[in-house]
Amino acid sequence: MSMTNAERELIRLIRQTQFGCISGIKLAGGQPMLDCNTSVSVEIRLSGLEPKTEVVSEQDYAKKPQVRTLFERFRAIGSGTIECIDVRDGLPFKMTVKHKALI
């Protein structure tokens, strides 16, 4: 899977986060736009061992089903705001999308 620069930037942030939430990601044309409104909340364990970080190439990481699904969902959404990408073990686990209410 070939990634755009915007996707690579988000993937680097997800991998660095390991456990936590990345908030305030704008989508434009199905591409993530990180800016000054993007923030990261990192979960820190207070007991037990820290999980081992798997060392994987960017190409192999991009092939993981969670990553492929994340970018497929971005393209389906097109434009909007991702309130939170929940990150577990350095992978996108789930996300919360903000939509305007249709009244």
C-alpha atoms as a PDB file:
ATOM      1  CA  MET A   1       0.000   0.000   0.000  1.00  0.00           C
ATOM      2  CA  SER A   2       1.376   3.368  -1.012  1.00  0.00           C
ATOM      3  CA  MET A   3       0.818   6.123   1.572  1.00  0.00           C
ATOM      4  CA  THR A   4       0.643   9.863   1.101  1.00  0.00           C
ATOM      5  CA  ASN A   5       2.850  12.199   3.146  1.00  0.00           C
ATOM      6  CA  ALA A   6      -0.183  13.135   5.293  1.00  0.00           C
ATOM      7  CA  GLU A   7      -0.870   9.444   6.020  1.00  0.00           C
ATOM      8  CA  ARG A   8       2.809   8.819   6.858  1.00  0.00           C
ATOM      9  CA  GLU A   9       2.793  11.740   9.292  1.00  0.00           C
ATOM     10  CA  LEU A  10      -0.284  10.359  11.077  1.00  0.00           C
ATOM     11  CA  ILE A  11       1.189   6.844  11.160  1.00  0.00           C
ATOM     12  CA  ARG A  12       4.372   8.174  12.789  1.00  0.00           C
ATOM     13  CA  LEU A  13       2.231   9.873  15.438  1.00  0.00           C
ATOM     14  CA  ILE A  14       0.141   6.728  16.035  1.00  0.00           C
ATOM     15  CA  ARG A  15       3.268   4.578  16.411  1.00  0.00           C
ATOM     16  CA  GLN A  16       4.838   7.077  18.834  1.00  0.00           C
ATOM     17  CA  THR A  17       1.660   7.243  20.922  1.00  0.00           C
ATOM     18  CA  GLN A  18       1.452   3.449  21.515  1.00  0.00           C
ATOM     19  CA  PHE A  19      -1.485   3.795  23.962  1.00  0.00           C
ATOM     20  CA  GLY A  20      -3.772   6.824  24.066  1.00  0.00           C
ATOM     21  CA  CYS A  21      -5.897   9.110  21.940  1.00  0.00           C
ATOM     22  CA  ILE A  22      -5.068  11.430  19.049  1.00  0.00           C
ATOM     23  CA  SER A  23      -7.680  14.196  18.865  1.00  0.00           C
ATOM     24  CA  GLY A  24      -8.692  16.984  16.529  1.00  0.00           C
ATOM     25  CA  ILE A  25      -7.696  15.545  13.168  1.00  0.00           C
ATOM     26  CA  LYS A  26      -9.241  17.345  10.217  1.00  0.00           C
ATOM     27  CA  LEU A  27     -10.026  15.371   7.068  1.00  0.00           C
ATOM     28  CA  ALA A  28      -9.897  17.010   3.652  1.00  0.00           C
ATOM     29  CA  GLY A  29     -10.449  14.890   0.568  1.00  0.00           C
ATOM     30  CA  GLY A  30     -10.062  11.760   2.708  1.00  0.00           C
ATOM     31  CA  GLN A  31      -6.605  12.845   3.896  1.00  0.00           C
ATOM     32  CA  PRO A  32      -5.673  13.522   7.538  1.00  0.00           C
ATOM     33  CA  MET A  33      -4.533  17.090   8.236  1.00  0.00           C
ATOM     34  CA  LEU A  34      -2.548  17.462  11.448  1.00  0.00           C
ATOM     35  CA  ASP A  35      -2.353  21.048  12.696  1.00  0.00           C
ATOM     36  CA  CYS A  36      -2.158  23.110  15.892  1.00  0.00           C
ATOM     37  CA  ASN A  37      -5.584  21.736  16.934  1.00  0.00           C
ATOM     38  CA  THR A  38      -4.326  18.131  16.884  1.00  0.00           C
ATOM     39  CA  SER A  39      -3.448  16.828  20.345  1.00  0.00           C
ATOM     40  CA  VAL A  40      -2.256  13.570  21.880  1.00  0.00           C
ATOM     41  CA  SER A  41      -3.284  12.060  25.209  1.00  0.00           C
ATOM     42  CA  VAL A  42      -0.932   9.246  26.206  1.00  0.00           C
ATOM     43  CA  GLU A  43      -1.903   6.498  28.627  1.00  0.00           C
ATOM     44  CA  ILE A  44       0.856   5.638  31.089  1.00  0.00           C
ATOM     45  CA  ARG A  45       0.855   2.404  33.081  1.00  0.00           C
ATOM     46  CA  LEU A  46       1.544   2.783  36.764  1.00  0.00           C
ATOM     47  CA  SER A  47       2.179  -0.866  37.449  1.00  0.00           C
ATOM     48  CA  GLY A  48       3.394  -3.872  35.543  1.00  0.00           C
ATOM     49  CA  LEU A  49       5.745  -4.001  32.618  1.00  0.00           C
ATOM     50  CA  GLU A  50       5.491  -1.682  29.659  1.00  0.00           C
ATOM     51  CA  PRO A  51       4.380  -3.549  26.537  1.00  0.00           C
ATOM     52  CA  LYS A  52       7.120  -4.402  24.074  1.00  0.00           C
ATOM     53  CA  THR A  53       7.157  -2.278  20.956  1.00  0.00           C
ATOM     54  CA  GLU A  54       7.141  -4.305  17.771  1.00  0.00           C
ATOM     55  CA  VAL A  55       9.679  -3.050  15.227  1.00  0.00           C
ATOM     56  CA  VAL A  56       8.045  -3.192  11.802  1.00  0.00           C
ATOM     57  CA  SER A  57       8.927  -1.435   8.544  1.00  0.00           C
ATOM     58  CA  GLU A  58       6.614   1.306   7.296  1.00  0.00           C
ATOM     59  CA  GLN A  59       5.542  -0.900   4.366  1.00  0.00           C
ATOM     60  CA  ASP A  60       4.653  -3.841   6.634  1.00  0.00           C
ATOM     61  CA  TYR A  61       2.890  -1.534   9.102  1.00  0.00           C
ATOM     62  CA  ALA A  62       0.776  -0.054   6.275  1.00  0.00           C
ATOM     63  CA  LYS A  63      -0.409  -3.584   5.396  1.00  0.00           C
ATOM     64  CA  LYS A  64      -1.904  -4.189   8.840  1.00  0.00           C
ATOM     65  CA  PRO A  65      -5.709  -4.486   8.633  1.00  0.00           C
ATOM     66  CA  GLN A  66      -6.291  -1.742  11.224  1.00  0.00           C
ATOM     67  CA  VAL A  67      -4.221   0.739   9.203  1.00  0.00           C
ATOM     68  CA  ARG A  68      -5.831  -0.161   5.887  1.00  0.00           C
ATOM     69  CA  THR A  69      -9.310   0.130   7.436  1.00  0.00           C
ATOM     70  CA  LEU A  70      -8.465   3.509   9.006  1.00  0.00           C
ATOM     71  CA  PHE A  71      -7.488   5.018   5.659  1.00  0.00           C
ATOM     72  CA  GLU A  72     -10.453   3.370   3.880  1.00  0.00           C
ATOM     73  CA  ARG A  73     -12.779   4.990   6.435  1.00  0.00           C
ATOM     74  CA  PHE A  74     -11.048   8.358   5.959  1.00  0.00           C
ATOM     75  CA  ARG A  75     -11.662   8.161   2.204  1.00  0.00           C
ATOM     76  CA  ALA A  76     -15.317   7.175   2.783  1.00  0.00           C
ATOM     77  CA  ILE A  77     -15.829  10.135   5.170  1.00  0.00           C
ATOM     78  CA  GLY A  78     -14.061  12.569   2.830  1.00  0.00           C
ATOM     79  CA  SER A  79     -14.160  15.760   4.893  1.00  0.00           C
ATOM     80  CA  GLY A  80     -14.849  16.326   8.566  1.00  0.00           C
ATOM     81  CA  THR A  81     -13.266  16.035  11.974  1.00  0.00           C
ATOM     82  CA  ILE A  82     -11.972  12.959  13.746  1.00  0.00           C
ATOM     83  CA  GLU A  83     -12.530  13.697  17.422  1.00  0.00           C
ATOM     84  CA  CYS A  84     -10.360  10.802  18.599  1.00  0.00           C
ATOM     85  CA  ILE A  85      -8.366   7.902  17.240  1.00  0.00           C
ATOM     86  CA  ASP A  86      -7.993   5.434  20.093  1.00  0.00           C
ATOM     87  CA  VAL A  87      -4.525   3.874  19.857  1.00  0.00           C
ATOM     88  CA  ARG A  88      -3.736   0.443  21.374  1.00  0.00           C
ATOM     89  CA  ASP A  89      -0.377  -1.310  21.009  1.00  0.00           C
ATOM     90  CA  GLY A  90       0.713   1.306  18.469  1.00  0.00           C
ATOM     91  CA  LEU A  91      -2.237   0.606  16.159  1.00  0.00           C
ATOM     92  CA  PRO A  92      -5.472   2.475  15.495  1.00  0.00           C
ATOM     93  CA  PHE A  93      -8.147   0.631  17.482  1.00  0.00           C
ATOM     94  CA  LYS A  94     -11.275   2.761  17.023  1.00  0.00           C
ATOM     95  CA  MET A  95     -12.204   6.333  16.200  1.00  0.00           C
ATOM     96  CA  THR A  96     -14.871   8.862  17.043  1.00  0.00           C
ATOM     97  CA  VAL A  97     -16.097  11.068  14.184  1.00  0.00           C
ATOM     98  CA  LYS A  98     -17.850  14.390  14.704  1.00  0.00           C
ATOM     99  CA  HIS A  99     -20.847  15.087  12.421  1.00  0.00           C
ATOM    100  CA  LYS A 100     -23.329  17.926  12.277  1.00  0.00           C
ATOM    101  CA  ALA A 101     -26.717  16.884  13.635  1.00  0.00           C
ATOM    102  CA  LEU A 102     -29.382  16.627  10.939  1.00  0.00           C
ATOM    103  CA  ILE A 103     -32.465  18.226  12.427  1.00  0.00           C
END
